[in-house]
Amino acid sequence: MALFEINKQVNVCGCRQLPMLSALLQGRANFTFTEMRSRNHMSLYTHVLGLVDLLQPRIFELQYSAAFESLLHAYFDLLLVCFAVVFAEHNLR
């Protein structure tokens, strides 16, 4: 029962940090893909995704929806950067 209470508190504290995490990720989407890899920003995205996975049951609550939505926008901006590199390498347009 004590482990359940600790997990519950960790989820609440983690969900409160979602706006900060999304702000951290949004500024990194302006780099090129090479800069992101060389400065290890891709590992930051991976670690934040792991945190979101841990917060999964609570992250979909209404009070965290705006922060979660901005976090998703940061990930989609990352995908746009990655796809731009793939399209440029293969001359697809």
PDB file of N, CA and C in Angstrom:
ATOM      1  N   MET A   1       0.816  -1.186   0.000  1.00  0.00           N
ATOM      2  CA  MET A   1       0.000   0.000   0.000  1.00  0.00           C
ATOM      3  C   MET A   1       0.869   1.263   0.000  1.00  0.00           C
ATOM      4  N   ALA A   2       2.016   1.208   0.674  1.00  0.00           N
ATOM      5  CA  ALA A   2       2.898   2.368   0.715  1.00  0.00           C
ATOM      6  C   ALA A   2       3.487   2.666  -0.663  1.00  0.00           C
ATOM      7  N   LEU A   3       3.805   1.620  -1.431  1.00  0.00           N
ATOM      8  CA  LEU A   3       4.343   1.831  -2.775  1.00  0.00           C
ATOM      9  C   LEU A   3       3.320   2.490  -3.691  1.00  0.00           C
ATOM     10  N   PHE A   4       2.061   2.151  -3.508  1.00  0.00           N
ATOM     11  CA  PHE A   4       1.005   2.779  -4.303  1.00  0.00           C
ATOM     12  C   PHE A   4       0.927   4.271  -4.013  1.00  0.00           C
ATOM     13  N   GLU A   5       1.056   4.668  -2.750  1.00  0.00           N
ATOM     14  CA  GLU A   5       1.007   6.077  -2.377  1.00  0.00           C
ATOM     15  C   GLU A   5       2.218   6.828  -2.924  1.00  0.00           C
ATOM     16  N   ILE A   6       3.385   6.206  -2.885  1.00  0.00           N
ATOM     17  CA  ILE A   6       4.587   6.847  -3.433  1.00  0.00           C
ATOM     18  C   ILE A   6       4.433   7.047  -4.934  1.00  0.00           C
ATOM     19  N   ASN A   7       3.931   6.040  -5.635  1.00  0.00           N
ATOM     20  CA  ASN A   7       3.725   6.147  -7.079  1.00  0.00           C
ATOM     21  C   ASN A   7       2.712   7.243  -7.400  1.00  0.00           C
ATOM     22  N   LYS A   8       1.692   7.349  -6.602  1.00  0.00           N
ATOM     23  CA  LYS A   8       0.669   8.376  -6.815  1.00  0.00           C
ATOM     24  C   LYS A   8       1.276   9.766  -6.667  1.00  0.00           C
ATOM     25  N   GLN A   9       2.112   9.973  -5.633  1.00  0.00           N
ATOM     26  CA  GLN A   9       2.739  11.270  -5.421  1.00  0.00           C
ATOM     27  C   GLN A   9       3.740  11.601  -6.521  1.00  0.00           C
ATOM     28  N   VAL A  10       4.468  10.610  -6.991  1.00  0.00           N
ATOM     29  CA  VAL A  10       5.428  10.845  -8.069  1.00  0.00           C
ATOM     30  C   VAL A  10       4.694  11.256  -9.338  1.00  0.00           C
ATOM     31  N   ASN A  11       3.574  10.635  -9.631  1.00  0.00           N
ATOM     32  CA  ASN A  11       2.802  11.006 -10.819  1.00  0.00           C
ATOM     33  C   ASN A  11       2.300  12.433 -10.728  1.00  0.00           C
ATOM     34  N   VAL A  12       1.836  12.839  -9.560  1.00  0.00           N
ATOM     35  CA  VAL A  12       1.339  14.206  -9.404  1.00  0.00           C
ATOM     36  C   VAL A  12       2.480  15.201  -9.569  1.00  0.00           C
ATOM     37  N   CYS A  13       3.609  14.946  -8.934  1.00  0.00           N
ATOM     38  CA  CYS A  13       4.759  15.854  -9.051  1.00  0.00           C
ATOM     39  C   CYS A  13       5.294  15.894 -10.482  1.00  0.00           C
ATOM     40  N   GLY A  14       5.321  14.758 -11.140  1.00  0.00           N
ATOM     41  CA  GLY A  14       5.792  14.709 -12.523  1.00  0.00           C
ATOM     42  C   GLY A  14       4.873  15.440 -13.479  1.00  0.00           C
ATOM     43  N   CYS A  15       3.585  15.312 -13.271  1.00  0.00           N
ATOM     44  CA  CYS A  15       2.629  15.992 -14.148  1.00  0.00           C
ATOM     45  C   CYS A  15       2.680  17.503 -13.969  1.00  0.00           C
ATOM     46  N   ARG A  16       3.039  17.959 -12.798  1.00  0.00           N
ATOM     47  CA  ARG A  16       3.174  19.402 -12.579  1.00  0.00           C
ATOM     48  C   ARG A  16       4.332  19.985 -13.375  1.00  0.00           C
ATOM     49  N   GLN A  17       5.281  19.162 -13.751  1.00  0.00           N
ATOM     50  CA  GLN A  17       6.460  19.625 -14.477  1.00  0.00           C
ATOM     51  C   GLN A  17       6.284  19.566 -15.996  1.00  0.00           C
ATOM     52  N   LEU A  18       5.131  19.147 -16.474  1.00  0.00           N
ATOM     53  CA  LEU A  18       4.915  19.037 -17.921  1.00  0.00           C
ATOM     54  C   LEU A  18       5.106  20.359 -18.664  1.00  0.00           C
ATOM     55  N   PRO A  19       4.611  21.492 -18.155  1.00  0.00           N
ATOM     56  CA  PRO A  19       4.858  22.742 -18.895  1.00  0.00           C
ATOM     57  C   PRO A  19       6.343  23.067 -19.036  1.00  0.00           C
ATOM     58  N   MET A  20       7.120  22.781 -17.993  1.00  0.00           N
ATOM     59  CA  MET A  20       8.550  23.025 -18.058  1.00  0.00           C
ATOM     60  C   MET A  20       9.211  22.115 -19.098  1.00  0.00           C
ATOM     61  N   LEU A  21       8.814  20.839 -19.108  1.00  0.00           N
ATOM     62  CA  LEU A  21       9.390  19.902 -20.072  1.00  0.00           C
ATOM     63  C   LEU A  21       9.056  20.295 -21.503  1.00  0.00           C
ATOM     64  N   SER A  22       7.823  20.722 -21.733  1.00  0.00           N
ATOM     65  CA  SER A  22       7.457  21.118 -23.091  1.00  0.00           C
ATOM     66  C   SER A  22       8.196  22.379 -23.510  1.00  0.00           C
ATOM     67  N   ALA A  23       8.425  23.304 -22.582  1.00  0.00           N
ATOM     68  CA  ALA A  23       9.194  24.510 -22.912  1.00  0.00           C
ATOM     69  C   ALA A  23      10.640  24.161 -23.250  1.00  0.00           C
ATOM     70  N   LEU A  24      11.210  23.199 -22.530  1.00  0.00           N
ATOM     71  CA  LEU A  24      12.573  22.772 -22.829  1.00  0.00           C
ATOM     72  C   LEU A  24      12.682  22.167 -24.223  1.00  0.00           C
ATOM     73  N   LEU A  25      11.695  21.388 -24.614  1.00  0.00           N
ATOM     74  CA  LEU A  25      11.743  20.716 -25.909  1.00  0.00           C
ATOM     75  C   LEU A  25      11.439  21.653 -27.071  1.00  0.00           C
ATOM     76  N   GLN A  26      10.559  22.621 -26.860  1.00  0.00           N
ATOM     77  CA  GLN A  26      10.160  23.492 -27.958  1.00  0.00           C
ATOM     78  C   GLN A  26      11.313  24.340 -28.481  1.00  0.00           C
ATOM     79  N   GLY A  27      12.214  24.745 -27.619  1.00  0.00           N
ATOM     80  CA  GLY A  27      13.338  25.553 -28.073  1.00  0.00           C
ATOM     81  C   GLY A  27      14.356  24.773 -28.883  1.00  0.00           C
ATOM     82  N   ARG A  28      14.339  23.465 -28.774  1.00  0.00           N
ATOM     83  CA  ARG A  28      15.338  22.650 -29.465  1.00  0.00           C
ATOM     84  C   ARG A  28      14.916  22.251 -30.875  1.00  0.00           C
ATOM     85  N   ALA A  29      13.698  22.496 -31.239  1.00  0.00           N
ATOM     86  CA  ALA A  29      13.243  22.132 -32.576  1.00  0.00           C
ATOM     87  C   ALA A  29      13.772  23.084 -33.639  1.00  0.00           C
ATOM     88  N   ASN A  30      14.382  24.187 -33.226  1.00  0.00           N
ATOM     89  CA  ASN A  30      14.908  25.153 -34.184  1.00  0.00           C
ATOM     90  C   ASN A  30      16.292  24.780 -34.702  1.00  0.00           C
ATOM     91  N   PHE A  31      16.925  23.801 -34.062  1.00  0.00           N
ATOM     92  CA  PHE A  31      18.238  23.353 -34.513  1.00  0.00           C
ATOM     93  C   PHE A  31      18.099  22.460 -35.740  1.00  0.00           C
ATOM     94  N   THR A  32      19.175  22.331 -36.474  1.00  0.00           N
ATOM     95  CA  THR A  32      19.182  21.366 -37.560  1.00  0.00           C
ATOM     96  C   THR A  32      19.352  19.973 -36.960  1.00  0.00           C
ATOM     97  N   PHE A  33      19.098  18.971 -37.764  1.00  0.00           N
ATOM     98  CA  PHE A  33      19.174  17.598 -37.274  1.00  0.00           C
ATOM     99  C   PHE A  33      20.598  17.244 -36.850  1.00  0.00           C
ATOM    100  N   THR A  34      21.596  17.724 -37.579  1.00  0.00           N
ATOM    101  CA  THR A  34      22.989  17.454 -37.232  1.00  0.00           C
ATOM    102  C   THR A  34      23.354  18.093 -35.898  1.00  0.00           C
ATOM    103  N   GLU A  35      22.902  19.326 -35.685  1.00  0.00           N
ATOM    104  CA  GLU A  35      23.162  19.987 -34.401  1.00  0.00           C
ATOM    105  C   GLU A  35      22.466  19.256 -33.253  1.00  0.00           C
ATOM    106  N   MET A  36      21.268  18.791 -33.500  1.00  0.00           N
ATOM    107  CA  MET A  36      20.533  18.082 -32.449  1.00  0.00           C
ATOM    108  C   MET A  36      21.255  16.799 -32.049  1.00  0.00           C
ATOM    109  N   ARG A  37      21.771  16.084 -33.031  1.00  0.00           N
ATOM    110  CA  ARG A  37      22.486  14.847 -32.710  1.00  0.00           C
ATOM    111  C   ARG A  37      23.826  15.119 -32.047  1.00  0.00           C
ATOM    112  N   SER A  38      24.545  16.111 -32.520  1.00  0.00           N
ATOM    113  CA  SER A  38      25.870  16.380 -31.959  1.00  0.00           C
ATOM    114  C   SER A  38      25.794  16.945 -30.540  1.00  0.00           C
ATOM    115  N   ARG A  39      24.726  17.641 -30.215  1.00  0.00           N
ATOM    116  CA  ARG A  39      24.574  18.214 -28.870  1.00  0.00           C
ATOM    117  C   ARG A  39      23.733  17.325 -27.945  1.00  0.00           C
ATOM    118  N   ASN A  40      23.424  16.134 -28.379  1.00  0.00           N
ATOM    119  CA  ASN A  40      22.666  15.145 -27.603  1.00  0.00           C
ATOM    120  C   ASN A  40      21.260  15.595 -27.221  1.00  0.00           C
ATOM    121  N   HIS A  41      20.645  16.415 -28.063  1.00  0.00           N
ATOM    122  CA  HIS A  41      19.261  16.794 -27.801  1.00  0.00           C
ATOM    123  C   HIS A  41      18.304  15.634 -28.072  1.00  0.00           C
ATOM    124  N   MET A  42      18.708  14.742 -28.934  1.00  0.00           N
ATOM    125  CA  MET A  42      17.844  13.586 -29.216  1.00  0.00           C
ATOM    126  C   MET A  42      17.695  12.710 -27.980  1.00  0.00           C
ATOM    127  N   SER A  43      18.750  12.616 -27.174  1.00  0.00           N
ATOM    128  CA  SER A  43      18.632  11.820 -25.949  1.00  0.00           C
ATOM    129  C   SER A  43      17.700  12.495 -24.952  1.00  0.00           C
ATOM    130  N   LEU A  44      17.659  13.824 -24.953  1.00  0.00           N
ATOM    131  CA  LEU A  44      16.709  14.525 -24.088  1.00  0.00           C
ATOM    132  C   LEU A  44      15.273  14.191 -24.489  1.00  0.00           C
ATOM    133  N   TYR A  45      15.002  14.199 -25.791  1.00  0.00           N
ATOM    134  CA  TYR A  45      13.671  13.824 -26.266  1.00  0.00           C
ATOM    135  C   TYR A  45      13.325  12.396 -25.839  1.00  0.00           C
ATOM    136  N   THR A  46      14.291  11.513 -25.901  1.00  0.00           N
ATOM    137  CA  THR A  46      14.058  10.126 -25.516  1.00  0.00           C
ATOM    138  C   THR A  46      13.763  10.007 -24.025  1.00  0.00           C
ATOM    139  N   HIS A  47      14.505  10.732 -23.220  1.00  0.00           N
ATOM    140  CA  HIS A  47      14.284  10.676 -21.776  1.00  0.00           C
ATOM    141  C   HIS A  47      12.934  11.273 -21.386  1.00  0.00           C
ATOM    142  N   VAL A  48      12.557  12.359 -22.025  1.00  0.00           N
ATOM    143  CA  VAL A  48      11.246  12.959 -21.736  1.00  0.00           C
ATOM    144  C   VAL A  48      10.130  12.014 -22.161  1.00  0.00           C
ATOM    145  N   LEU A  49      10.325  11.323 -23.265  1.00  0.00           N
ATOM    146  CA  LEU A  49       9.323  10.341 -23.681  1.00  0.00           C
ATOM    147  C   LEU A  49       9.192   9.221 -22.656  1.00  0.00           C
ATOM    148  N   GLY A  50      10.302   8.804 -22.048  1.00  0.00           N
ATOM    149  CA  GLY A  50      10.247   7.809 -20.981  1.00  0.00           C
ATOM    150  C   GLY A  50       9.485   8.322 -19.769  1.00  0.00           C
ATOM    151  N   LEU A  51       9.683   9.602 -19.431  1.00  0.00           N
ATOM    152  CA  LEU A  51       8.934  10.184 -18.319  1.00  0.00           C
ATOM    153  C   LEU A  51       7.439  10.245 -18.616  1.00  0.00           C
ATOM    154  N   VAL A  52       7.107  10.596 -19.840  1.00  0.00           N
ATOM    155  CA  VAL A  52       5.691  10.640 -20.223  1.00  0.00           C
ATOM    156  C   VAL A  52       5.080   9.248 -20.128  1.00  0.00           C
ATOM    157  N   ASP A  53       5.848   8.239 -20.470  1.00  0.00           N
ATOM    158  CA  ASP A  53       5.355   6.871 -20.358  1.00  0.00           C
ATOM    159  C   ASP A  53       5.083   6.510 -18.898  1.00  0.00           C
ATOM    160  N   LEU A  54       5.920   6.969 -17.985  1.00  0.00           N
ATOM    161  CA  LEU A  54       5.700   6.702 -16.571  1.00  0.00           C
ATOM    162  C   LEU A  54       4.486   7.442 -16.014  1.00  0.00           C
ATOM    163  N   LEU A  55       4.198   8.600 -16.579  1.00  0.00           N
ATOM    164  CA  LEU A  55       3.070   9.409 -16.118  1.00  0.00           C
ATOM    165  C   LEU A  55       1.773   9.066 -16.824  1.00  0.00           C
ATOM    166  N   GLN A  56       1.790   8.019 -17.603  1.00  0.00           N
ATOM    167  CA  GLN A  56       0.702   7.705 -18.517  1.00  0.00           C
ATOM    168  C   GLN A  56      -0.708   7.674 -17.921  1.00  0.00           C
ATOM    169  N   PRO A  57      -0.969   7.067 -16.791  1.00  0.00           N
ATOM    170  CA  PRO A  57      -2.370   7.048 -16.375  1.00  0.00           C
ATOM    171  C   PRO A  57      -2.899   8.436 -16.011  1.00  0.00           C
ATOM    172  N   ARG A  58      -2.064   9.289 -15.488  1.00  0.00           N
ATOM    173  CA  ARG A  58      -2.532  10.586 -15.006  1.00  0.00           C
ATOM    174  C   ARG A  58      -2.397  11.695 -16.053  1.00  0.00           C
ATOM    175  N   ILE A  59      -1.581  11.494 -17.048  1.00  0.00           N
ATOM    176  CA  ILE A  59      -1.252  12.574 -17.981  1.00  0.00           C
ATOM    177  C   ILE A  59      -2.444  12.978 -18.860  1.00  0.00           C
ATOM    178  N   PHE A  60      -3.430  12.101 -18.961  1.00  0.00           N
ATOM    179  CA  PHE A  60      -4.583  12.381 -19.814  1.00  0.00           C
ATOM    180  C   PHE A  60      -5.700  13.098 -19.073  1.00  0.00           C
ATOM    181  N   GLU A  61      -5.481  13.478 -17.818  1.00  0.00           N
ATOM    182  CA  GLU A  61      -6.498  14.210 -17.075  1.00  0.00           C
ATOM    183  C   GLU A  61      -6.639  15.620 -17.631  1.00  0.00           C
ATOM    184  N   LEU A  62      -7.807  16.199 -17.432  1.00  0.00           N
ATOM    185  CA  LEU A  62      -8.139  17.494 -18.024  1.00  0.00           C
ATOM    186  C   LEU A  62      -7.208  18.612 -17.560  1.00  0.00           C
ATOM    187  N   GLN A  63      -6.774  18.574 -16.317  1.00  0.00           N
ATOM    188  CA  GLN A  63      -5.939  19.659 -15.805  1.00  0.00           C
ATOM    189  C   GLN A  63      -4.547  19.684 -16.422  1.00  0.00           C
ATOM    190  N   TYR A  64      -4.119  18.588 -17.008  1.00  0.00           N
ATOM    191  CA  TYR A  64      -2.796  18.527 -17.633  1.00  0.00           C
ATOM    192  C   TYR A  64      -2.885  18.528 -19.160  1.00  0.00           C
ATOM    193  N   SER A  65      -4.068  18.725 -19.711  1.00  0.00           N
ATOM    194  CA  SER A  65      -4.245  18.577 -21.157  1.00  0.00           C
ATOM    195  C   SER A  65      -3.493  19.648 -21.952  1.00  0.00           C
ATOM    196  N   ALA A  66      -3.470  20.881 -21.480  1.00  0.00           N
ATOM    197  CA  ALA A  66      -2.775  21.943 -22.223  1.00  0.00           C
ATOM    198  C   ALA A  66      -1.267  21.687 -22.252  1.00  0.00           C
ATOM    199  N   ALA A  67      -0.716  21.272 -21.125  1.00  0.00           N
ATOM    200  CA  ALA A  67       0.722  20.994 -21.073  1.00  0.00           C
ATOM    201  C   ALA A  67       1.064  19.777 -21.922  1.00  0.00           C
ATOM    202  N   PHE A  68       0.227  18.762 -21.884  1.00  0.00           N
ATOM    203  CA  PHE A  68       0.473  17.564 -22.688  1.00  0.00           C
ATOM    204  C   PHE A  68       0.366  17.882 -24.176  1.00  0.00           C
ATOM    205  N   GLU A  69      -0.572  18.741 -24.528  1.00  0.00           N
ATOM    206  CA  GLU A  69      -0.721  19.121 -25.937  1.00  0.00           C
ATOM    207  C   GLU A  69       0.502  19.886 -26.430  1.00  0.00           C
ATOM    208  N   SER A  70       1.041  20.786 -25.613  1.00  0.00           N
ATOM    209  CA  SER A  70       2.237  21.518 -26.038  1.00  0.00           C
ATOM    210  C   SER A  70       3.448  20.589 -26.111  1.00  0.00           C
ATOM    211  N   LEU A  71       3.489  19.577 -25.253  1.00  0.00           N
ATOM    212  CA  LEU A  71       4.555  18.575 -25.321  1.00  0.00           C
ATOM    213  C   LEU A  71       4.462  17.782 -26.624  1.00  0.00           C
ATOM    214  N   LEU A  72       3.251  17.432 -27.014  1.00  0.00           N
ATOM    215  CA  LEU A  72       3.068  16.720 -28.282  1.00  0.00           C
ATOM    216  C   LEU A  72       3.460  17.587 -29.475  1.00  0.00           C
ATOM    217  N   HIS A  73       3.159  18.879 -29.406  1.00  0.00           N
ATOM    218  CA  HIS A  73       3.570  19.787 -30.482  1.00  0.00           C
ATOM    219  C   HIS A  73       5.092  19.834 -30.605  1.00  0.00           C
ATOM    220  N   ALA A  74       5.780  19.791 -29.471  1.00  0.00           N
ATOM    221  CA  ALA A  74       7.246  19.787 -29.516  1.00  0.00           C
ATOM    222  C   ALA A  74       7.758  18.529 -30.202  1.00  0.00           C
ATOM    223  N   TYR A  75       7.114  17.393 -29.945  1.00  0.00           N
ATOM    224  CA  TYR A  75       7.543  16.153 -30.597  1.00  0.00           C
ATOM    225  C   TYR A  75       7.223  16.172 -32.088  1.00  0.00           C
ATOM    226  N   PHE A  76       6.095  16.743 -32.466  1.00  0.00           N
ATOM    227  CA  PHE A  76       5.776  16.816 -33.891  1.00  0.00           C
ATOM    228  C   PHE A  76       6.711  17.786 -34.609  1.00  0.00           C
ATOM    229  N   ASP A  77       7.161  18.844 -33.931  1.00  0.00           N
ATOM    230  CA  ASP A  77       8.162  19.726 -34.526  1.00  0.00           C
ATOM    231  C   ASP A  77       9.468  18.973 -34.758  1.00  0.00           C
ATOM    232  N   LEU A  78       9.824  18.107 -33.814  1.00  0.00           N
ATOM    233  CA  LEU A  78      11.011  17.266 -33.991  1.00  0.00           C
ATOM    234  C   LEU A  78      10.851  16.360 -35.206  1.00  0.00           C
ATOM    235  N   LEU A  79       9.676  15.773 -35.362  1.00  0.00           N
ATOM    236  CA  LEU A  79       9.445  14.907 -36.519  1.00  0.00           C
ATOM    237  C   LEU A  79       9.558  15.679 -37.825  1.00  0.00           C
ATOM    238  N   LEU A  80       9.083  16.913 -37.843  1.00  0.00           N
ATOM    239  CA  LEU A  80       9.214  17.729 -39.056  1.00  0.00           C
ATOM    240  C   LEU A  80      10.676  17.979 -39.407  1.00  0.00           C
ATOM    241  N   VAL A  81      11.501  18.213 -38.390  1.00  0.00           N
ATOM    242  CA  VAL A  81      12.938  18.408 -38.628  1.00  0.00           C
ATOM    243  C   VAL A  81      13.553  17.129 -39.183  1.00  0.00           C
ATOM    244  N   CYS A  82      13.206  15.997 -38.586  1.00  0.00           N
ATOM    245  CA  CYS A  82      13.766  14.717 -39.036  1.00  0.00           C
ATOM    246  C   CYS A  82      13.309  14.366 -40.449  1.00  0.00           C
ATOM    247  N   PHE A  83      12.035  14.604 -40.756  1.00  0.00           N
ATOM    248  CA  PHE A  83      11.535  14.286 -42.088  1.00  0.00           C
ATOM    249  C   PHE A  83      12.128  15.214 -43.139  1.00  0.00           C
ATOM    250  N   ALA A  84      12.423  16.452 -42.766  1.00  0.00           N
ATOM    251  CA  ALA A  84      13.061  17.364 -43.715  1.00  0.00           C
ATOM    252  C   ALA A  84      14.430  16.840 -44.110  1.00  0.00           C
ATOM    253  N   VAL A  85      15.143  16.253 -43.163  1.00  0.00           N
ATOM    254  CA  VAL A  85      16.458  15.675 -43.465  1.00  0.00           C
ATOM    255  C   VAL A  85      16.308  14.473 -44.386  1.00  0.00           C
ATOM    256  N   VAL A  86      15.346  13.615 -44.113  1.00  0.00           N
ATOM    257  CA  VAL A  86      15.140  12.423 -44.938  1.00  0.00           C
ATOM    258  C   VAL A  86      14.741  12.821 -46.350  1.00  0.00           C
ATOM    259  N   PHE A  87      13.847  13.807 -46.473  1.00  0.00           N
ATOM    260  CA  PHE A  87      13.419  14.237 -47.804  1.00  0.00           C
ATOM    261  C   PHE A  87      14.566  14.894 -48.566  1.00  0.00           C
ATOM    262  N   ALA A  88      15.411  15.639 -47.864  1.00  0.00           N
ATOM    263  CA  ALA A  88      16.541  16.285 -48.527  1.00  0.00           C
ATOM    264  C   ALA A  88      17.578  15.263 -48.990  1.00  0.00           C
ATOM    265  N   GLU A  89      17.777  14.213 -48.194  1.00  0.00           N
ATOM    266  CA  GLU A  89      18.744  13.190 -48.583  1.00  0.00           C
ATOM    267  C   GLU A  89      18.286  12.385 -49.786  1.00  0.00           C
ATOM    268  N   HIS A  90      17.005  12.175 -49.908  1.00  0.00           N
ATOM    269  CA  HIS A  90      16.486  11.345 -50.991  1.00  0.00           C
ATOM    270  C   HIS A  90      15.865  12.170 -52.107  1.00  0.00           C
ATOM    271  N   ASN A  91      16.007  13.488 -52.028  1.00  0.00           N
ATOM    272  CA  ASN A  91      15.471  14.397 -53.050  1.00  0.00           C
ATOM    273  C   ASN A  91      13.985  14.169 -53.284  1.00  0.00           C
ATOM    274  N   LEU A  92      13.246  13.990 -52.216  1.00  0.00           N
ATOM    275  CA  LEU A  92      11.801  13.813 -52.304  1.00  0.00           C
ATOM    276  C   LEU A  92      11.112  15.132 -52.011  1.00  0.00           C
ATOM    277  N   ARG A  93      10.203  15.494 -52.849  1.00  0.00           N
ATOM    278  CA  ARG A  93       9.407  16.705 -52.623  1.00  0.00           C
ATOM    279  C   ARG A  93       8.100  16.583 -53.296  1.00  0.00           C
TER     280      ARG A  93
END
